N, C-alpha and C. Protein backbone atom coordinates (compact mmCIF):
# COMPACT_ATOMS: atom_id res chain seq x y z
N MET A 1 0.85 -1.18 0.00
CA MET A 1 0.00 0.00 0.00
C MET A 1 0.89 1.24 0.00
N THR A 2 0.55 2.19 -0.82
CA THR A 2 1.33 3.42 -0.90
C THR A 2 0.82 4.43 0.11
N ASP A 3 1.63 5.43 0.38
CA ASP A 3 1.23 6.49 1.30
C ASP A 3 0.67 7.70 0.58
N SER A 4 0.40 7.57 -0.71
CA SER A 4 -0.18 8.69 -1.45
C SER A 4 -1.68 8.47 -1.62
N LEU A 5 -2.41 9.54 -1.50
CA LEU A 5 -3.86 9.50 -1.65
C LEU A 5 -4.25 9.79 -3.09
N PRO A 6 -5.37 9.23 -3.56
CA PRO A 6 -5.82 9.53 -4.92
C PRO A 6 -6.30 10.97 -5.03
N ASP A 7 -6.32 11.49 -6.24
CA ASP A 7 -6.79 12.86 -6.48
C ASP A 7 -8.26 12.99 -6.13
N ARG A 8 -9.01 11.92 -6.34
CA ARG A 8 -10.45 11.96 -6.07
C ARG A 8 -10.85 10.67 -5.36
N LEU A 9 -11.66 10.80 -4.31
CA LEU A 9 -12.07 9.64 -3.53
C LEU A 9 -13.50 9.85 -3.04
N SER A 10 -14.29 8.77 -3.05
CA SER A 10 -15.68 8.83 -2.62
C SER A 10 -15.94 7.74 -1.58
N THR A 11 -16.89 7.99 -0.68
CA THR A 11 -17.30 7.00 0.31
C THR A 11 -18.50 6.18 -0.17
N ASN A 12 -19.05 6.52 -1.33
CA ASN A 12 -20.22 5.84 -1.88
C ASN A 12 -19.74 4.61 -2.68
N PRO A 13 -20.16 3.39 -2.30
CA PRO A 13 -19.72 2.19 -3.02
C PRO A 13 -20.15 2.14 -4.49
N ASN A 14 -21.15 2.91 -4.88
CA ASN A 14 -21.60 2.92 -6.28
C ASN A 14 -20.78 3.87 -7.15
N SER A 15 -19.89 4.65 -6.55
CA SER A 15 -19.08 5.62 -7.29
C SER A 15 -17.86 4.94 -7.91
N PRO A 16 -17.44 5.39 -9.10
CA PRO A 16 -16.21 4.84 -9.68
C PRO A 16 -14.96 5.28 -8.92
N TYR A 17 -15.07 6.24 -8.02
CA TYR A 17 -13.94 6.75 -7.24
C TYR A 17 -13.87 6.13 -5.83
N TYR A 18 -14.65 5.10 -5.59
CA TYR A 18 -14.68 4.42 -4.30
C TYR A 18 -13.50 3.45 -4.23
N ASP A 19 -12.76 3.46 -3.11
CA ASP A 19 -11.64 2.54 -2.89
C ASP A 19 -11.68 2.07 -1.44
N GLU A 20 -12.16 0.87 -1.23
CA GLU A 20 -12.37 0.35 0.12
C GLU A 20 -11.07 0.21 0.90
N GLU A 21 -10.00 -0.21 0.24
CA GLU A 21 -8.72 -0.40 0.93
C GLU A 21 -8.19 0.90 1.52
N ILE A 22 -8.29 1.97 0.79
CA ILE A 22 -7.82 3.28 1.29
C ILE A 22 -8.73 3.77 2.41
N LEU A 23 -10.03 3.60 2.26
CA LEU A 23 -10.97 4.06 3.28
C LEU A 23 -10.81 3.30 4.60
N LYS A 24 -10.40 2.02 4.53
CA LYS A 24 -10.17 1.25 5.75
C LYS A 24 -9.04 1.82 6.59
N ARG A 25 -8.06 2.43 5.94
CA ARG A 25 -6.93 3.04 6.67
C ARG A 25 -7.36 4.26 7.45
N GLY A 26 -8.42 4.91 7.04
CA GLY A 26 -8.89 6.11 7.72
C GLY A 26 -8.35 7.36 7.05
N ILE A 27 -9.23 8.16 6.51
CA ILE A 27 -8.87 9.38 5.81
C ILE A 27 -9.38 10.58 6.59
N GLY A 28 -8.55 11.58 6.76
CA GLY A 28 -8.96 12.85 7.34
C GLY A 28 -8.94 13.91 6.26
N ILE A 29 -9.81 14.89 6.37
CA ILE A 29 -9.89 15.97 5.38
C ILE A 29 -9.82 17.31 6.10
N ARG A 30 -8.88 18.15 5.65
CA ARG A 30 -8.85 19.55 6.08
C ARG A 30 -9.34 20.37 4.89
N PHE A 31 -10.37 21.16 5.13
CA PHE A 31 -10.95 21.99 4.08
C PHE A 31 -10.92 23.43 4.56
N LYS A 32 -10.20 24.27 3.85
CA LYS A 32 -10.01 25.67 4.24
C LYS A 32 -9.44 25.77 5.65
N GLY A 33 -8.55 24.82 5.99
CA GLY A 33 -7.88 24.84 7.28
C GLY A 33 -8.65 24.23 8.43
N GLN A 34 -9.88 23.76 8.20
CA GLN A 34 -10.69 23.18 9.26
C GLN A 34 -10.90 21.69 9.00
N GLU A 35 -10.90 20.92 10.07
CA GLU A 35 -11.14 19.49 9.99
C GLU A 35 -12.61 19.23 9.66
N LYS A 36 -12.86 18.41 8.64
CA LYS A 36 -14.23 18.04 8.26
C LYS A 36 -14.40 16.54 8.47
N THR A 37 -15.51 16.14 9.09
CA THR A 37 -15.76 14.73 9.36
C THR A 37 -16.93 14.17 8.55
N ASN A 38 -17.63 15.02 7.81
CA ASN A 38 -18.82 14.57 7.08
C ASN A 38 -18.63 14.64 5.56
N VAL A 39 -17.41 14.46 5.07
CA VAL A 39 -17.13 14.55 3.64
C VAL A 39 -17.50 13.24 2.95
N ASP A 40 -18.32 13.31 1.90
CA ASP A 40 -18.70 12.14 1.12
C ASP A 40 -17.76 11.91 -0.06
N GLU A 41 -17.22 12.98 -0.62
CA GLU A 41 -16.32 12.87 -1.78
C GLU A 41 -15.45 14.11 -1.82
N TYR A 42 -14.23 13.95 -2.34
CA TYR A 42 -13.34 15.10 -2.51
C TYR A 42 -12.58 15.00 -3.81
N CYS A 43 -12.10 16.14 -4.30
CA CYS A 43 -11.23 16.20 -5.46
C CYS A 43 -10.18 17.27 -5.18
N ILE A 44 -8.91 16.87 -5.14
CA ILE A 44 -7.83 17.79 -4.82
C ILE A 44 -7.56 18.75 -5.98
N SER A 45 -7.45 18.21 -7.21
CA SER A 45 -7.08 19.04 -8.35
C SER A 45 -8.12 20.10 -8.68
N GLU A 46 -9.40 19.78 -8.50
CA GLU A 46 -10.46 20.74 -8.79
C GLU A 46 -10.81 21.58 -7.57
N GLY A 47 -10.36 21.20 -6.39
CA GLY A 47 -10.55 21.99 -5.17
C GLY A 47 -11.98 22.02 -4.66
N TRP A 48 -12.59 20.83 -4.42
CA TRP A 48 -13.94 20.79 -3.88
C TRP A 48 -14.15 19.55 -3.02
N ILE A 49 -15.18 19.64 -2.17
CA ILE A 49 -15.65 18.50 -1.40
C ILE A 49 -17.17 18.44 -1.51
N ARG A 50 -17.74 17.27 -1.28
CA ARG A 50 -19.18 17.09 -1.20
C ARG A 50 -19.52 16.67 0.23
N VAL A 51 -20.45 17.38 0.83
CA VAL A 51 -20.89 17.06 2.18
C VAL A 51 -22.42 16.87 2.18
N ALA A 52 -22.90 16.07 3.12
CA ALA A 52 -24.34 15.80 3.22
C ALA A 52 -25.07 17.08 3.62
N ALA A 53 -26.25 17.27 3.03
CA ALA A 53 -27.08 18.45 3.33
C ALA A 53 -28.12 18.07 4.37
N GLY A 54 -27.69 17.97 5.61
CA GLY A 54 -28.62 17.62 6.69
C GLY A 54 -29.10 16.19 6.56
N ASN A 55 -30.38 15.97 6.84
CA ASN A 55 -30.97 14.63 6.76
C ASN A 55 -31.76 14.43 5.48
N SER A 56 -31.64 15.34 4.51
CA SER A 56 -32.40 15.26 3.27
C SER A 56 -31.96 14.06 2.44
N ARG A 57 -32.91 13.43 1.78
CA ARG A 57 -32.65 12.27 0.93
C ARG A 57 -33.27 12.49 -0.44
N ASP A 58 -32.64 11.89 -1.47
CA ASP A 58 -33.24 11.95 -2.80
C ASP A 58 -34.26 10.83 -2.93
N ARG A 59 -34.87 10.68 -4.09
CA ARG A 59 -35.95 9.70 -4.25
C ARG A 59 -35.45 8.25 -4.19
N LYS A 60 -34.14 8.04 -4.32
CA LYS A 60 -33.57 6.70 -4.21
C LYS A 60 -33.05 6.40 -2.80
N GLY A 61 -33.18 7.35 -1.89
CA GLY A 61 -32.76 7.15 -0.52
C GLY A 61 -31.34 7.57 -0.22
N ASN A 62 -30.65 8.13 -1.20
CA ASN A 62 -29.28 8.60 -0.99
C ASN A 62 -29.30 10.00 -0.40
N PRO A 63 -28.33 10.33 0.45
CA PRO A 63 -28.31 11.68 1.02
C PRO A 63 -28.04 12.74 -0.04
N LEU A 64 -28.73 13.87 0.08
CA LEU A 64 -28.45 14.99 -0.80
C LEU A 64 -27.13 15.62 -0.36
N THR A 65 -26.33 16.07 -1.33
CA THR A 65 -25.03 16.63 -1.00
C THR A 65 -24.89 18.04 -1.54
N ILE A 66 -23.99 18.79 -0.92
CA ILE A 66 -23.67 20.16 -1.32
C ILE A 66 -22.21 20.18 -1.74
N LEU A 67 -21.90 20.85 -2.84
CA LEU A 67 -20.53 20.99 -3.32
C LEU A 67 -19.94 22.28 -2.75
N LEU A 68 -18.82 22.16 -2.03
CA LEU A 68 -18.13 23.32 -1.47
C LEU A 68 -16.76 23.43 -2.12
N LYS A 69 -16.38 24.63 -2.54
CA LYS A 69 -15.10 24.83 -3.21
C LYS A 69 -14.10 25.52 -2.30
N GLY A 70 -12.85 25.06 -2.41
CA GLY A 70 -11.77 25.63 -1.62
C GLY A 70 -10.61 24.64 -1.57
N PRO A 71 -9.54 24.99 -0.87
CA PRO A 71 -8.38 24.10 -0.78
C PRO A 71 -8.69 22.84 0.05
N VAL A 72 -8.34 21.68 -0.51
CA VAL A 72 -8.60 20.38 0.12
C VAL A 72 -7.27 19.73 0.48
N GLU A 73 -7.14 19.27 1.73
CA GLU A 73 -5.92 18.60 2.20
C GLU A 73 -6.28 17.27 2.84
N PRO A 74 -6.29 16.17 2.07
CA PRO A 74 -6.56 14.86 2.67
C PRO A 74 -5.28 14.30 3.30
N TYR A 75 -5.45 13.44 4.31
CA TYR A 75 -4.32 12.79 4.96
C TYR A 75 -4.79 11.49 5.58
N PHE A 76 -3.84 10.59 5.82
CA PHE A 76 -4.16 9.34 6.52
C PHE A 76 -4.18 9.60 8.01
N ARG A 77 -5.24 9.17 8.67
CA ARG A 77 -5.35 9.38 10.13
C ARG A 77 -4.31 8.58 10.90
N ASP A 78 -3.92 7.42 10.39
CA ASP A 78 -2.95 6.59 11.10
C ASP A 78 -1.53 7.15 11.01
N ALA A 79 -1.31 8.19 10.20
CA ALA A 79 0.01 8.81 10.08
C ALA A 79 0.25 9.86 11.17
N ASP A 80 -0.81 10.21 11.92
CA ASP A 80 -0.68 11.23 12.97
C ASP A 80 0.18 10.77 14.12
């Protein structure tokens, strides 16, 4: 296993950017200098994260998400 994180990662198993092995290690996200714990997906190169919009659900039962733009800094929690 490498110590580099992918440019884009999702927690949704239906996403093409889902990687269970990396998620098992534990990922932390700093967004605009603040620790975020509710990130569903991130992209470093494009500078955005997706977070759940409260308890709202779409018609298929998936949580509705909001796209937030800014600097994204992912890291492995076990490296702390």
